[in-house]
Amino acid sequence: MMQHTINFWPLIGIAVIVIGFIIRVNPVLVVTVAGLVTGLTANMPVLDILEKLGSGFISTLNLALTLLLPLVIVGLLERSGLKEQAQRAISHIKSATAGRLLIAYLFVREISAALGLTSLGGHPQMVRPLLAPMAEGAAENQYGELPNTVRHRIRAMSAATDNTGLFFGEDIFVAFGAIIFMHNFILESAGIQTEPLHIALWGIPTAVCAFLIHSVRLYRLDYRLAKEISALNLVTQSSKEAI
């Protein structure tokens, strides 16, 4: 009789899930890491692992629940004072400015998108209820009550920061749809032989340049806000003296 050796190493994925839930790490990240660990210990090719993760995600995706559930949760949190709590939290950090806060968020957003965690940010669940109010709170610590024009500028830059981090960060993720599209339909149809991983790696220099360029814009944002508020204060003071 032939004896077959059973490989128990793939069961490490179960331990990863248990440990991840005990230390309360993001469930999506825990399940993804567990899937990668299980596939690698089972000697599966990396591309096959990513294909299985993607097909499993698509087969269990509930579009209506995905769109409506965050909307309901964010609405309840805002009703309970989420914006006020965010502004109050940032007010305790005296060195925080709108530009510095957005630079930090840009770094986190780009890194998380490069790891495939694109849903960790976004306009409805992050920018509107948390990021923009915190940036406004940081500006209020410096200048006091903000005019509406300044508030709108900060909100617009918050949204632009999220877009920039997501757009250039996800181009590094090897399972991103655009990378697969370029590999299968553009490069291979043109007779160019390459791998999706190589395409993703060549997205890193672009992502770094995008981070540096937008960081400079955010760094200049603080100076622009200071100049704009000073000009508005001068106009207000001149109007009061004229009266």
Protein backbone atom coordinates (compact mmCIF):
# COMPACT_ATOMS: atom_id res chain seq x y z
CA MET A 1 0.00 0.00 0.00
CA MET A 2 1.19 3.49 -0.83
CA GLN A 3 1.22 6.02 1.93
CA HIS A 4 0.51 9.66 1.10
CA THR A 5 2.05 12.41 3.24
CA ILE A 6 -0.55 14.90 4.36
CA ASN A 7 0.54 18.56 4.41
CA PHE A 8 -0.85 20.18 7.55
CA TRP A 9 0.93 23.51 7.02
CA PRO A 10 -2.07 25.12 5.22
CA LEU A 11 -3.96 24.91 8.53
CA ILE A 12 -1.82 27.84 9.70
CA GLY A 13 -4.42 30.03 7.98
CA ILE A 14 -6.91 29.10 10.70
CA ALA A 15 -4.44 30.21 13.38
CA VAL A 16 -3.97 33.52 11.54
CA ILE A 17 -7.73 34.15 11.58
CA VAL A 18 -8.02 33.29 15.29
CA ILE A 19 -5.07 35.50 16.27
CA GLY A 20 -6.25 38.35 14.04
CA PHE A 21 -9.71 38.37 15.58
CA ILE A 22 -8.29 38.14 19.12
CA ILE A 23 -6.11 41.23 18.65
CA ARG A 24 -8.96 42.93 16.75
CA VAL A 25 -7.24 43.63 13.45
CA ASN A 26 -9.36 44.69 10.45
CA PRO A 27 -11.34 41.54 9.43
CA VAL A 28 -10.77 42.09 5.69
CA LEU A 29 -7.01 42.26 6.27
CA VAL A 30 -7.08 39.16 8.51
CA VAL A 31 -8.99 37.05 5.97
CA THR A 32 -6.77 38.22 3.11
CA VAL A 33 -3.56 37.41 4.99
CA ALA A 34 -4.98 34.04 6.05
CA GLY A 35 -5.79 33.22 2.43
CA LEU A 36 -2.28 34.18 1.30
CA VAL A 37 -0.65 32.14 4.07
CA THR A 38 -2.82 29.11 3.30
CA GLY A 39 -2.05 29.29 -0.42
CA LEU A 40 1.70 29.77 0.03
CA THR A 41 2.00 26.88 2.51
CA ALA A 42 0.05 24.72 0.03
CA ASN A 43 2.66 25.56 -2.65
CA MET A 44 0.15 27.41 -4.84
CA PRO A 45 1.49 30.00 -7.33
CA VAL A 46 0.95 33.60 -6.25
CA LEU A 47 -1.20 34.42 -9.28
CA ASP A 48 -3.47 31.42 -8.56
CA ILE A 49 -3.89 32.62 -4.96
CA LEU A 50 -4.88 36.10 -6.12
CA GLU A 51 -7.28 34.60 -8.67
CA LYS A 52 -8.98 32.52 -5.98
CA LEU A 53 -9.27 35.55 -3.66
CA GLY A 54 -10.74 37.69 -6.43
CA SER A 55 -13.23 35.07 -7.62
CA GLY A 56 -14.34 34.41 -4.03
CA PHE A 57 -14.88 38.11 -3.46
CA ILE A 58 -16.91 38.54 -6.63
CA SER A 59 -19.06 35.47 -5.97
CA THR A 60 -20.04 36.68 -2.48
CA LEU A 61 -20.38 40.37 -3.29
CA ASN A 62 -23.70 41.94 -2.37
CA LEU A 63 -23.68 45.26 -4.20
CA ALA A 64 -26.75 46.75 -2.53
CA LEU A 65 -25.49 45.89 0.96
CA THR A 66 -22.01 47.18 0.13
CA LEU A 67 -23.38 50.55 -0.97
CA LEU A 68 -26.18 51.09 1.54
CA LEU A 69 -24.68 49.74 4.76
CA PRO A 70 -21.79 52.27 4.98
CA LEU A 71 -24.26 55.06 4.18
CA VAL A 72 -26.53 54.08 7.07
CA ILE A 73 -23.66 53.63 9.51
CA VAL A 74 -22.02 56.96 8.61
CA GLY A 75 -25.39 58.73 8.89
CA LEU A 76 -25.95 57.34 12.39
CA LEU A 77 -22.42 58.28 13.46
CA GLU A 78 -22.80 61.83 12.16
CA ARG A 79 -26.11 62.17 13.97
CA SER A 80 -24.33 61.12 17.17
CA GLY A 81 -21.72 63.86 16.76
CA LEU A 82 -18.91 62.19 14.81
CA LYS A 83 -17.76 65.46 13.19
CA GLU A 84 -17.69 67.30 16.51
CA GLN A 85 -15.70 64.50 18.15
CA ALA A 86 -13.19 64.51 15.29
CA GLN A 87 -12.69 68.27 15.55
CA ARG A 88 -12.37 68.03 19.32
CA ALA A 89 -9.76 65.27 19.03
CA ILE A 90 -7.57 67.21 16.60
CA SER A 91 -7.80 70.36 18.74
CA HIS A 92 -5.65 68.67 21.40
CA ILE A 93 -2.73 68.37 18.95
CA LYS A 94 -1.28 71.88 18.93
CA SER A 95 1.27 71.24 16.16
CA ALA A 96 -1.33 69.85 13.75
CA THR A 97 -2.19 71.89 10.68
CA ALA A 98 -4.55 71.15 7.82
CA GLY A 99 -1.64 70.53 5.45
CA ARG A 100 0.28 68.21 7.80
CA LEU A 101 -2.82 66.21 8.60
CA LEU A 102 -3.63 65.70 4.92
CA ILE A 103 -0.03 64.70 4.14
CA ALA A 104 -0.23 61.99 6.80
CA TYR A 105 -3.56 60.77 5.41
CA LEU A 106 -2.15 60.77 1.87
CA PHE A 107 0.68 58.47 2.99
CA VAL A 108 -1.67 56.04 4.76
CA ARG A 109 -4.19 56.09 1.88
CA GLU A 110 -1.57 55.37 -0.75
CA ILE A 111 0.07 52.55 1.22
CA SER A 112 -3.26 50.88 2.04
CA ALA A 113 -4.42 51.14 -1.59
CA ALA A 114 -1.14 49.58 -2.72
CA LEU A 115 -1.96 46.61 -0.47
CA GLY A 116 -5.40 46.27 -2.06
CA LEU A 117 -7.30 47.79 0.90
CA THR A 118 -9.06 50.41 -1.20
CA SER A 119 -12.21 50.45 0.94
CA LEU A 120 -10.38 51.76 4.04
CA GLY A 121 -10.86 55.32 2.78
CA GLY A 122 -13.33 57.07 0.50
CA HIS A 123 -15.45 60.21 0.36
CA PRO A 124 -18.62 59.03 2.12
CA GLN A 125 -17.03 56.94 4.85
CA MET A 126 -13.81 58.86 5.56
CA VAL A 127 -13.48 62.30 3.91
CA ARG A 128 -16.87 63.82 4.75
CA PRO A 129 -17.36 62.55 8.32
CA LEU A 130 -13.73 62.48 9.55
CA LEU A 131 -10.94 63.86 7.37
CA ALA A 132 -12.46 67.20 6.32
CA PRO A 133 -13.77 68.06 9.84
CA MET A 134 -10.37 67.22 11.35
CA ALA A 135 -8.59 69.40 8.78
CA GLU A 136 -11.04 72.22 9.50
CA GLY A 137 -10.47 71.74 13.23
CA ALA A 138 -6.71 71.98 12.78
CA ALA A 139 -7.15 75.23 10.82
CA GLU A 140 -9.48 76.62 13.49
CA ASN A 141 -6.81 76.00 16.13
CA GLN A 142 -4.55 78.37 14.20
CA TYR A 143 -6.90 81.03 12.89
CA GLY A 144 -10.12 80.81 14.89
CA GLU A 145 -13.48 80.86 13.12
CA LEU A 146 -13.05 80.09 9.41
CA PRO A 147 -14.85 81.84 6.53
CA ASN A 148 -16.92 79.63 4.26
CA THR A 149 -14.49 80.09 1.37
CA VAL A 150 -11.66 78.68 3.48
CA ARG A 151 -13.80 75.78 4.70
CA HIS A 152 -14.73 74.86 1.13
CA ARG A 153 -11.08 75.00 0.07
CA ILE A 154 -10.08 72.62 2.88
CA ARG A 155 -12.91 70.24 2.03
CA ALA A 156 -11.95 70.24 -1.65
CA MET A 157 -8.31 69.54 -0.83
CA SER A 158 -9.35 66.72 1.52
CA ALA A 159 -11.33 65.08 -1.28
CA ALA A 160 -8.44 65.60 -3.73
CA THR A 161 -6.02 63.99 -1.27
CA ASP A 162 -8.17 60.88 -1.00
CA ASN A 163 -8.47 60.67 -4.80
CA THR A 164 -4.72 61.04 -5.30
CA GLY A 165 -3.79 58.42 -2.72
CA LEU A 166 -6.31 55.91 -4.06
CA PHE A 167 -5.63 56.45 -7.77
CA PHE A 168 -1.85 56.12 -7.64
CA GLY A 169 -1.73 53.63 -4.77
CA GLU A 170 -4.00 51.01 -6.32
CA ASP A 171 -1.86 50.95 -9.47
CA ILE A 172 0.78 49.13 -7.40
CA PHE A 173 -1.61 46.34 -6.38
CA VAL A 174 -0.95 43.41 -8.71
CA ALA A 175 -4.59 42.23 -8.71
CA PHE A 176 -5.97 45.66 -9.64
CA GLY A 177 -8.29 45.50 -12.66
CA ALA A 178 -6.37 48.08 -14.71
CA ILE A 179 -3.15 46.08 -14.40
CA ILE A 180 -4.85 42.87 -15.54
CA PHE A 181 -6.47 44.78 -18.41
CA MET A 182 -3.13 46.23 -19.56
CA HIS A 183 -1.50 42.80 -19.35
CA ASN A 184 -4.20 40.78 -21.11
CA PHE A 185 -5.63 43.17 -23.70
CA ILE A 186 -2.97 45.77 -24.44
CA LEU A 187 0.50 44.33 -23.98
CA GLU A 188 -0.18 40.73 -24.98
CA SER A 189 -2.22 41.79 -28.02
CA ALA A 190 0.76 43.91 -29.08
CA GLY A 191 3.09 40.93 -28.71
CA ILE A 192 4.81 42.25 -25.58
CA GLN A 193 5.49 39.49 -23.06
CA THR A 194 5.46 40.61 -19.43
CA GLU A 195 4.01 39.74 -16.04
CA PRO A 196 1.35 41.63 -14.05
CA LEU A 197 3.82 41.89 -11.14
CA HIS A 198 6.28 43.77 -13.35
CA ILE A 199 3.57 46.23 -14.40
CA ALA A 200 2.65 46.81 -10.76
CA LEU A 201 6.27 47.38 -9.75
CA TRP A 202 6.67 50.02 -12.44
CA GLY A 203 3.77 51.87 -10.82
CA ILE A 204 5.88 52.54 -7.72
CA PRO A 205 7.94 55.45 -9.16
CA THR A 206 4.74 57.14 -10.35
CA ALA A 207 3.13 56.69 -6.93
CA VAL A 208 6.20 58.15 -5.20
CA CYS A 209 6.22 61.17 -7.52
CA ALA A 210 2.48 61.69 -6.97
CA PHE A 211 3.01 61.61 -3.20
CA LEU A 212 5.84 64.15 -3.35
CA ILE A 213 4.03 66.53 -5.71
CA HIS A 214 0.76 66.49 -3.79
CA SER A 215 2.62 66.80 -0.47
CA VAL A 216 4.17 70.02 -1.75
CA ARG A 217 0.68 71.27 -2.64
CA LEU A 218 -0.55 70.41 0.85
CA TYR A 219 2.49 72.06 2.43
CA ARG A 220 1.72 75.23 0.51
CA LEU A 221 -1.93 74.98 1.56
CA ASP A 222 -1.10 76.18 5.07
CA TYR A 223 0.61 79.31 3.71
CA ARG A 224 -2.26 79.95 1.32
CA LEU A 225 -4.82 79.66 4.12
CA ALA A 226 -2.84 82.02 6.33
CA LYS A 227 -2.57 84.57 3.50
CA GLU A 228 -6.25 84.29 2.58
CA ILE A 229 -7.47 84.64 6.17
CA SER A 230 -5.17 87.62 6.78
CA ALA A 231 -6.55 89.35 3.70
CA LEU A 232 -10.14 88.71 4.82
CA ASN A 233 -9.37 90.03 8.30
CA LEU A 234 -7.93 93.20 6.82
CA VAL A 235 -11.03 93.71 4.70
CA THR A 236 -13.27 93.14 7.72
CA GLN A 237 -11.26 95.52 9.86
CA SER A 238 -11.29 98.22 7.16
CA SER A 239 -15.06 97.87 6.82
CA LYS A 240 -15.53 98.31 10.57
CA GLU A 241 -13.30 101.40 10.63
CA ALA A 242 -15.21 102.91 7.71
CA ILE A 243 -18.48 102.44 9.56
